Amino acid sequence: MAGCVRDTIRGINSADSEARDAPERNIDRASTRYRFEYATNDVDQELARRISCSHSEADALERPLSVDPASMLPTEIVCDIFVHVLPVYPICPPLAGKSSPTQLTHVCRKWREIALSTPSLWRAIRIRLCRDKSWDLDFVQTWLRRSGSCPLSLRMDEPPKLAVWAATRVFEMIVPHRARWEYLSLYLRNWCNDLLEIAGPMPLLRGMKVDASCGSWNICTHSTSLPTVFCEVPHLRSMTFVEYTFPSIGFPWSQLTSLRLISIDVGDCTKLFQQTVNLVHCKVCPIDSGGPGVHYGTIEPDTRLPRLESLDLVQEDGPYVMEYLGTFIVPALLRLQVSEDEYDPDRFFHLLSAFIAKAGCKLQELRITGSSGSHTHLYRWKLASIPRLFYNDMSLDEEYGTSSNEDDEERSYSNRDRSETV
């Protein structure tokens, strides 16, 4: 009986104890629930942040797939790329189509804005004269405007016979920009009057080509005297003349370092060389209006060019070019190109040896052109003192299997050195 009473009392005490501890347990449960909910909220926020970041990264990765990469480059770099797309200045690209800056304006709005705001893209202008396409001249006017204040390279293509009106309009368009001319290539209709039309200061002019093959020499209708045409061209160093007859025009011969005379009478060539004492590079394709023995050989006086390093002397219609070569005294000459007399190789070698001895030069390169190749076996034997020999643009060393990279590099350099930039 006593045991039952004790159990009853113990149960009552336990119930009282649980009743007292209940509030504390409820508080612990609430605290645990709060901490759990807080931690869950932090996890949700972190997950949301990471998902947002992953979406941004995915967008960044997908964006280049839908956007032109060039549009993401700085404008300055795009301008530089555009300039390198075109032919190297002063070579003139076509007015339209492939390799033309006009094509760059047709890609997108941004490219058009960049191209139109880059004057250097429009500074080299090729002028085509067509009797029924005046829009080409409209292009020229547009390019002149877009080129801003950049120096200009202007190349006039050979005009058709019925495009005289177009040539007149070209001069009207380009002469106001004379102060910006740097490289100029012209076809002249009336040699005298056309030269007088462009007369005036040309402070930037470096190279000029005058082609009179489609024109004629007419009486001047201007009152200005010819010798004043080219009196202010301080930087002019290179000139090319094609089928030109030289009146008393004041070209600055003494300041030229490069001269090309194509289809010019040999007598005129000789007279010019008396004034071009500073030439370094020269190409001559002479014609002999008087026949052999009249201008060539002993009739023509010696030509002394003390600084000349490169000479191309080529003639298509006769074997007499070697006789004319004998009139040159060029002690600094390093590179020579001549036409071969394939009908008399012994005479060719004799005249060449006499020229080298008279000139007093140490020739480093010789190019022989214009033959069938029947005498190549003699060249290496008779011209062993010349380090580099080329026959119709083929090295004799290459033919005999002893070519070297150094020879190839020198050959490339020589070709570039003689290339025309106008």
Protein backbone atom coordinates (compact mmCIF):
# COMPACT_ATOMS: atom_id res chain seq x y z
CA MET A 1 0.00 0.00 0.00
CA ALA A 2 2.83 2.32 0.92
CA GLY A 3 4.46 1.58 -2.45
CA CYS A 4 1.41 2.66 -4.37
CA VAL A 5 1.33 5.91 -2.49
CA ARG A 6 4.97 6.58 -3.36
CA ASP A 7 4.38 5.90 -7.05
CA THR A 8 1.42 8.24 -7.03
CA ILE A 9 3.41 11.01 -5.38
CA ARG A 10 6.30 10.50 -7.90
CA GLY A 11 3.90 10.76 -10.82
CA ILE A 12 2.42 13.95 -9.43
CA ASN A 13 5.88 15.49 -9.01
CA SER A 14 6.89 14.47 -12.53
CA ALA A 15 3.76 16.05 -13.98
CA ASP A 16 4.44 19.23 -12.05
CA SER A 17 8.03 19.28 -13.35
CA GLU A 18 6.91 18.79 -16.96
CA ALA A 19 4.36 21.53 -16.55
CA ARG A 20 7.08 23.86 -15.33
CA ASP A 21 9.51 22.93 -18.23
CA ALA A 22 6.90 23.24 -21.01
CA PRO A 23 7.36 27.01 -21.59
CA GLU A 24 11.13 26.60 -21.93
CA ARG A 25 10.75 23.82 -24.47
CA ASN A 26 8.30 25.91 -26.46
CA ILE A 27 10.82 28.77 -26.51
CA ASP A 28 13.58 26.43 -27.74
CA ARG A 29 11.35 25.11 -30.50
CA ALA A 30 10.48 28.64 -31.63
CA SER A 31 14.13 29.69 -31.61
CA THR A 32 15.13 26.63 -33.61
CA ARG A 33 12.34 27.26 -36.11
CA TYR A 34 13.42 30.92 -36.48
CA ARG A 35 17.07 29.98 -37.05
CA PHE A 36 16.02 27.40 -39.63
CA GLU A 37 13.82 29.86 -41.47
CA TYR A 38 16.61 32.51 -41.42
CA ALA A 39 19.17 30.05 -42.77
CA THR A 40 16.73 28.89 -45.45
CA ASN A 41 16.15 32.49 -46.50
CA ASP A 42 19.92 33.05 -46.80
CA VAL A 43 20.23 29.93 -48.95
CA ASP A 44 17.38 31.10 -51.18
CA GLN A 45 19.01 34.51 -51.63
CA GLU A 46 22.40 32.98 -52.46
CA LEU A 47 20.80 30.61 -54.96
CA ALA A 48 18.95 33.51 -56.57
CA ARG A 49 22.18 35.53 -56.79
CA ARG A 50 24.11 32.67 -58.37
CA ILE A 51 21.33 31.97 -60.86
CA SER A 52 21.30 35.64 -61.83
CA CYS A 53 25.08 35.62 -62.31
CA SER A 54 24.92 32.49 -64.44
CA HIS A 55 22.25 34.10 -66.61
CA SER A 56 24.43 37.19 -67.07
CA GLU A 57 27.41 35.06 -68.01
CA ALA A 58 25.30 33.09 -70.46
CA ASP A 59 24.08 36.32 -72.05
CA ALA A 60 27.67 37.57 -72.32
CA LEU A 61 28.70 34.33 -74.03
CA GLU A 62 25.77 34.39 -76.43
CA ARG A 63 26.05 38.09 -77.33
CA PRO A 64 29.13 37.78 -79.63
CA LEU A 65 27.25 35.16 -81.62
CA SER A 66 24.63 37.71 -82.62
CA VAL A 67 26.77 40.89 -82.75
CA ASP A 68 29.54 41.68 -85.27
CA PRO A 69 32.89 41.42 -83.41
CA ALA A 70 34.18 44.50 -85.23
CA SER A 71 31.46 46.60 -83.60
CA MET A 72 32.94 45.74 -80.21
CA LEU A 73 36.35 47.21 -81.13
CA PRO A 74 37.31 50.83 -80.40
CA THR A 75 36.68 53.16 -83.32
CA GLU A 76 40.40 53.99 -83.65
CA ILE A 77 41.26 50.31 -84.22
CA VAL A 78 38.45 49.89 -86.76
CA CYS A 79 39.77 52.94 -88.66
CA ASP A 80 43.25 51.42 -88.76
CA ILE A 81 41.84 48.11 -90.03
CA PHE A 82 39.92 49.93 -92.76
CA VAL A 83 43.09 51.71 -93.91
CA HIS A 84 44.96 48.39 -94.15
CA VAL A 85 42.14 46.84 -96.21
CA LEU A 86 42.91 49.27 -99.05
CA PRO A 87 45.94 49.11 -101.38
CA VAL A 88 49.04 50.64 -99.85
CA TYR A 89 49.14 54.40 -100.37
CA PRO A 90 49.83 56.01 -102.84
CA ILE A 91 48.29 53.21 -104.96
CA CYS A 92 44.74 54.24 -105.86
CA PRO A 93 41.85 51.82 -105.19
CA PRO A 94 38.86 51.63 -107.56
CA LEU A 95 36.08 54.12 -106.97
CA ALA A 96 33.60 51.31 -106.30
CA GLY A 97 33.52 47.57 -105.76
CA LYS A 98 36.14 45.32 -104.21
CA SER A 99 39.07 47.04 -102.44
CA SER A 100 37.19 50.35 -102.51
CA PRO A 101 36.39 52.30 -99.33
CA THR A 102 32.94 52.82 -100.81
CA GLN A 103 32.24 49.15 -100.16
CA LEU A 104 32.90 49.66 -96.44
CA THR A 105 30.02 52.15 -96.27
CA HIS A 106 27.53 49.48 -97.42
CA VAL A 107 28.02 47.01 -94.54
CA CYS A 108 26.23 48.67 -91.63
CA ARG A 109 25.44 52.07 -90.19
CA LYS A 110 28.41 52.10 -87.79
CA TRP A 111 30.89 51.14 -90.50
CA ARG A 112 29.49 53.81 -92.76
CA GLU A 113 29.87 56.45 -90.04
CA ILE A 114 33.45 55.37 -89.34
CA ALA A 115 34.42 55.26 -93.03
CA LEU A 116 32.93 58.66 -93.80
CA SER A 117 34.71 60.20 -90.81
CA THR A 118 38.15 58.80 -91.80
CA PRO A 119 39.68 61.14 -94.43
CA SER A 120 42.72 58.91 -95.05
CA LEU A 121 40.44 56.31 -96.69
CA TRP A 122 39.61 58.73 -99.50
CA ARG A 123 43.01 60.32 -100.20
CA ALA A 124 44.05 58.09 -103.16
CA ILE A 125 41.70 58.74 -106.09
CA ARG A 126 41.63 56.90 -109.40
CA ILE A 127 40.05 59.03 -112.11
CA ARG A 128 38.38 57.18 -114.97
CA LEU A 129 37.25 59.20 -117.97
CA CYS A 130 34.25 57.72 -119.76
CA ARG A 131 32.37 59.43 -122.53
CA ASP A 132 28.97 58.25 -121.27
CA LYS A 133 29.45 57.91 -117.49
CA SER A 134 29.54 61.26 -115.78
CA TRP A 135 28.78 59.55 -112.44
CA ASP A 136 32.47 58.56 -112.19
CA LEU A 137 33.38 62.22 -112.02
CA ASP A 138 30.72 62.72 -109.36
CA PHE A 139 32.53 60.04 -107.36
CA VAL A 140 35.78 61.98 -107.74
CA GLN A 141 34.17 65.13 -106.41
CA THR A 142 32.75 63.19 -103.45
CA TRP A 143 36.11 61.63 -102.62
CA LEU A 144 37.86 64.99 -102.77
CA ARG A 145 35.40 66.31 -100.22
CA ARG A 146 35.69 63.26 -97.93
CA SER A 147 39.50 63.36 -97.98
CA GLY A 148 39.42 66.52 -95.90
CA SER A 149 42.89 68.05 -95.65
CA CYS A 150 44.87 64.85 -96.32
CA PRO A 151 47.63 64.82 -98.95
CA LEU A 152 46.32 63.39 -102.23
CA SER A 153 47.40 60.72 -104.68
CA LEU A 154 45.61 61.26 -108.01
CA ARG A 155 45.81 58.86 -110.94
CA MET A 156 44.09 59.63 -114.24
CA ASP A 157 43.41 56.60 -116.44
CA GLU A 158 43.88 56.88 -120.19
CA PRO A 159 40.82 58.69 -121.57
CA PRO A 160 38.90 57.56 -124.65
CA LYS A 161 39.12 59.83 -127.67
CA LEU A 162 35.61 61.20 -127.21
CA ALA A 163 35.98 62.08 -123.53
CA VAL A 164 37.64 65.48 -123.95
CA TRP A 165 34.84 67.15 -122.03
CA ALA A 166 35.50 64.81 -119.09
CA ALA A 167 39.22 65.63 -119.04
CA THR A 168 38.38 69.33 -118.93
CA ARG A 169 36.07 68.78 -115.99
CA VAL A 170 38.71 66.74 -114.16
CA PHE A 171 41.17 69.62 -114.28
CA GLU A 172 38.47 71.96 -113.01
CA MET A 173 37.87 69.65 -110.04
CA ILE A 174 41.43 68.83 -109.00
CA VAL A 175 43.27 72.12 -109.54
CA PRO A 176 41.64 73.81 -106.49
CA HIS A 177 43.25 71.03 -104.39
CA ARG A 178 46.72 71.57 -105.89
CA ALA A 179 48.26 72.39 -102.50
CA ARG A 180 47.40 68.85 -101.31
CA TRP A 181 48.83 66.94 -104.29
CA GLU A 182 51.48 64.44 -103.18
CA TYR A 183 51.46 61.96 -106.10
CA LEU A 184 50.05 62.90 -109.49
CA SER A 185 49.59 60.88 -112.69
CA LEU A 186 48.09 62.73 -115.67
CA TYR A 187 47.23 62.10 -119.30
CA LEU A 188 47.64 65.32 -121.26
CA ARG A 189 45.45 66.24 -124.21
CA ASN A 190 47.24 69.48 -125.09
CA TRP A 191 50.64 69.31 -123.43
CA CYS A 192 51.30 73.01 -123.22
CA ASN A 193 47.89 74.24 -122.12
CA ASP A 194 47.27 71.35 -119.71
CA LEU A 195 50.53 72.00 -117.88
CA LEU A 196 49.69 75.66 -117.61
CA GLU A 197 46.28 74.79 -116.16
CA ILE A 198 47.92 73.09 -113.19
CA ALA A 199 50.64 75.73 -112.78
CA GLY A 200 51.13 77.01 -109.26
CA PRO A 201 52.64 76.07 -105.90
CA MET A 202 52.59 72.33 -105.10
CA PRO A 203 54.27 72.23 -101.68
CA LEU A 204 53.62 68.51 -101.02
CA LEU A 205 54.27 67.02 -104.48
CA ARG A 206 56.73 64.11 -104.33
CA GLY A 207 56.08 62.10 -107.49
CA MET A 208 54.57 62.93 -110.87
CA LYS A 209 53.82 61.07 -114.10
CA VAL A 210 53.06 62.86 -117.38
CA ASP A 211 51.69 60.69 -120.19
CA ALA A 212 51.31 62.43 -123.53
CA SER A 213 50.63 59.31 -125.61
CA CYS A 214 47.02 60.35 -126.19
CA GLY A 215 47.61 64.07 -126.69
CA SER A 216 49.26 66.50 -129.05
CA TRP A 217 51.49 69.51 -128.85
CA ASN A 218 49.45 72.58 -129.70
CA ILE A 219 50.23 76.26 -129.62
CA CYS A 220 49.82 77.73 -126.15
CA THR A 221 46.77 79.89 -125.68
CA HIS A 222 47.89 81.14 -122.25
CA SER A 223 49.97 84.22 -121.81
CA THR A 224 51.97 82.73 -118.94
CA SER A 225 55.45 81.57 -119.94
CA LEU A 226 56.20 77.85 -119.71
CA PRO A 227 59.28 78.05 -117.48
CA THR A 228 57.15 79.14 -114.50
CA VAL A 229 54.98 76.00 -114.35
CA PHE A 230 56.99 74.00 -111.79
CA CYS A 231 58.85 76.63 -109.83
CA GLU A 232 57.44 75.78 -106.35
CA VAL A 233 57.73 72.02 -105.86
CA PRO A 234 60.34 71.69 -103.08
CA HIS A 235 59.68 67.99 -102.37
CA LEU A 236 59.45 66.69 -105.95
CA ARG A 237 61.95 63.83 -106.34
CA SER A 238 60.42 61.39 -108.85
CA MET A 239 59.10 61.97 -112.37
CA THR A 240 57.91 59.75 -115.23
CA PHE A 241 57.42 60.90 -118.82
CA VAL A 242 55.73 58.86 -121.55
CA GLU A 243 55.97 59.93 -125.23
CA TYR A 244 56.73 63.47 -124.22
CA THR A 245 58.47 66.17 -126.25
CA PHE A 246 60.32 68.58 -124.00
CA PRO A 247 59.87 72.29 -124.64
CA SER A 248 61.48 74.93 -122.45
CA ILE A 249 59.44 74.03 -119.38
CA GLY A 250 60.96 74.75 -116.01
CA PHE A 251 60.94 71.28 -114.45
CA PRO A 252 63.24 71.12 -111.42
CA TRP A 253 65.59 68.60 -113.01
CA SER A 254 68.45 69.05 -110.58
CA GLN A 255 66.42 68.03 -107.52
CA LEU A 256 65.15 64.75 -109.01
CA THR A 257 66.50 61.46 -107.64
CA SER A 258 64.31 59.14 -109.76
CA LEU A 259 63.47 59.54 -113.45
CA ARG A 260 61.65 57.29 -115.94
CA LEU A 261 61.66 58.17 -119.64
CA ILE A 262 59.36 55.93 -121.71
CA SER A 263 59.31 56.19 -125.53
CA ILE A 264 61.35 59.39 -125.48
CA ASP A 265 63.68 60.36 -128.32
CA VAL A 266 67.25 59.47 -127.41
CA GLY A 267 68.43 62.98 -128.24
CA ASP A 268 65.97 64.47 -125.75
CA CYS A 269 67.09 61.93 -123.14
CA THR A 270 70.72 62.97 -123.51
CA LYS A 271 69.87 66.66 -123.17
CA LEU A 272 67.86 66.00 -120.02
CA PHE A 273 70.63 63.98 -118.38
CA GLN A 274 72.90 67.02 -118.56
CA GLN A 275 70.63 68.61 -115.93
CA THR A 276 69.70 65.63 -113.72
CA VAL A 277 72.99 65.42 -111.84
CA ASN A 278 71.44 64.05 -108.61
CA LEU A 279 69.71 60.99 -110.07
CA VAL A 280 69.90 57.79 -108.00
CA HIS A 281 67.44 55.64 -109.99
CA CYS A 282 66.74 55.88 -113.71
CA LYS A 283 64.79 53.91 -116.31
CA VAL A 284 65.05 54.75 -120.01
CA CYS A 285 63.12 53.18 -122.89
CA PRO A 286 64.39 55.36 -125.75
CA ILE A 287 63.30 55.61 -129.36
CA ASP A 288 65.69 56.50 -132.14
CA SER A 289 63.93 58.68 -134.67
CA GLY A 290 67.08 59.06 -136.76
CA GLY A 291 68.05 55.40 -137.11
CA PRO A 292 71.20 53.62 -135.99
CA GLY A 293 74.39 55.64 -136.03
CA VAL A 294 72.62 59.01 -136.02
CA HIS A 295 71.96 59.37 -132.30
CA TYR A 296 73.67 56.33 -130.83
CA GLY A 297 77.36 55.76 -130.33
CA THR A 298 79.87 58.54 -130.89
CA ILE A 299 77.27 61.08 -132.04
CA GLU A 300 75.81 61.46 -128.53
CA PRO A 301 77.99 63.12 -125.87
CA ASP A 302 78.85 61.31 -122.67
CA THR A 303 76.34 61.48 -119.83
CA ARG A 304 77.89 61.80 -116.37
CA LEU A 305 75.61 60.86 -113.45
CA PRO A 306 77.87 60.59 -110.38
CA ARG A 307 75.18 59.42 -107.93
CA LEU A 308 73.27 56.94 -110.08
CA GLU A 309 72.90 53.53 -108.40
CA SER A 310 70.22 51.85 -110.54
CA LEU A 311 69.84 52.05 -114.34
CA ASP A 312 67.28 50.29 -116.55
CA LEU A 313 68.02 50.76 -120.25
CA VAL A 314 65.57 48.82 -122.40
CA GLN A 315 64.67 49.05 -126.09
CA GLU A 316 62.13 46.92 -127.90
CA ASP A 317 62.84 47.78 -131.53
CA GLY A 318 66.55 47.32 -132.11
CA PRO A 319 69.91 46.11 -130.82
CA TYR A 320 71.42 49.58 -130.49
CA VAL A 321 70.70 50.19 -126.82
CA MET A 322 74.16 48.92 -125.84
CA GLU A 323 75.77 51.64 -127.94
CA TYR A 324 73.78 54.23 -126.02
CA LEU A 325 74.76 52.58 -122.73
CA GLY A 326 78.37 53.31 -123.62
CA THR A 327 77.74 57.05 -123.27
CA PHE A 328 76.96 56.76 -119.54
CA ILE A 329 79.66 57.46 -116.96
CA VAL A 330 78.18 56.20 -113.68
CA PRO A 331 80.86 55.38 -111.07
CA ALA A 332 78.32 54.64 -108.28
CA LEU A 333 76.19 52.20 -110.33
CA LEU A 334 75.22 49.00 -108.48
CA ARG A 335 72.27 47.61 -110.50
CA LEU A 336 71.88 47.50 -114.27
CA GLN A 337 69.12 46.16 -116.52
CA VAL A 338 69.66 46.03 -120.29
CA SER A 339 68.15 44.42 -123.37
CA GLU A 340 70.26 41.69 -124.93
CA ASP A 341 71.41 41.65 -128.53
CA GLU A 342 70.62 37.98 -129.11
CA TYR A 343 71.89 38.08 -132.69
CA ASP A 344 75.42 39.06 -131.69
CA PRO A 345 76.26 37.96 -128.12
CA ASP A 346 79.98 38.65 -128.57
CA ARG A 347 79.22 42.26 -129.44
CA PHE A 348 76.90 42.47 -126.43
CA PHE A 349 79.61 41.26 -124.04
CA HIS A 350 82.22 43.51 -125.62
CA LEU A 351 80.07 46.64 -125.24
CA LEU A 352 79.03 45.68 -121.71
CA SER A 353 82.65 45.16 -120.64
CA ALA A 354 83.65 48.46 -122.23
CA PHE A 355 80.82 50.24 -120.40
CA ILE A 356 81.84 48.83 -117.00
CA ALA A 357 85.47 49.78 -117.55
CA LYS A 358 84.60 53.30 -118.73
CA ALA A 359 82.03 53.91 -115.98
CA GLY A 360 84.41 52.78 -113.26
CA CYS A 361 81.59 51.10 -111.33
CA LYS A 362 81.51 47.96 -109.21
CA LEU A 363 78.35 46.38 -110.57
CA GLN A 364 76.56 44.13 -108.06
CA GLU A 365 73.52 43.08 -110.09
CA LEU A 366 72.85 42.66 -113.80
CA ARG A 367 69.49 41.86 -115.40
CA ILE A 368 69.40 40.87 -119.06
CA THR A 369 65.96 40.95 -120.71
CA GLY A 370 64.34 40.51 -124.09
CA SER A 371 65.84 37.34 -125.51
CA SER A 372 64.99 33.70 -126.19
CA GLY A 373 67.54 32.33 -123.75
CA SER A 374 69.88 30.73 -126.25
CA HIS A 375 73.02 32.28 -124.73
CA THR A 376 72.46 31.80 -121.00
CA HIS A 377 75.31 29.28 -120.77
CA LEU A 378 77.78 32.06 -121.61
CA TYR A 379 76.69 34.56 -118.96
CA ARG A 380 78.06 32.91 -115.84
CA TRP A 381 81.37 32.28 -117.56
CA LYS A 382 81.91 35.71 -119.12
CA LEU A 383 80.32 37.77 -116.31
CA ALA A 384 81.74 35.93 -113.33
CA SER A 385 82.81 39.19 -111.68
CA ILE A 386 79.18 40.30 -111.17
CA PRO A 387 77.72 38.73 -107.98
CA ARG A 388 74.06 38.56 -109.08
CA LEU A 389 72.92 37.80 -112.61
CA PHE A 390 69.32 37.59 -113.75
CA TYR A 391 68.09 36.54 -117.15
CA ASN A 392 64.47 37.45 -117.99
CA ASP A 393 63.81 37.70 -114.22
CA MET A 394 65.33 34.26 -113.55
CA SER A 395 68.52 34.09 -111.53
CA LEU A 396 71.31 32.20 -113.28
CA ASP A 397 72.28 30.86 -109.87
CA GLU A 398 68.78 29.36 -109.60
CA GLU A 399 69.15 27.78 -113.04
CA TYR A 400 72.40 26.12 -112.00
CA GLY A 401 71.02 25.05 -108.61
CA THR A 402 73.02 27.38 -106.36
CA SER A 403 70.33 29.84 -105.36
CA SER A 404 70.30 31.22 -101.83
CA ASN A 405 67.76 33.04 -99.69
CA GLU A 406 70.02 36.05 -99.68
CA ASP A 407 69.81 36.26 -103.48
CA ASP A 408 66.02 36.00 -103.36
CA GLU A 409 65.79 38.73 -100.74
CA GLU A 410 68.03 41.02 -102.75
CA ARG A 411 65.98 40.32 -105.86
CA SER A 412 62.78 41.30 -104.07
CA TYR A 413 64.43 44.43 -102.73
CA SER A 414 65.60 45.44 -106.18
CA ASN A 415 62.11 44.99 -107.63
CA ARG A 416 60.62 47.15 -104.90
CA ASP A 417 63.35 49.71 -105.30
CA ARG A 418 62.55 50.17 -108.98
CA SER A 419 58.78 49.98 -108.67
CA GLU A 420 56.86 53.05 -109.69
CA THR A 421 54.85 54.74 -106.97
CA VAL A 422 52.89 57.16 -109.07
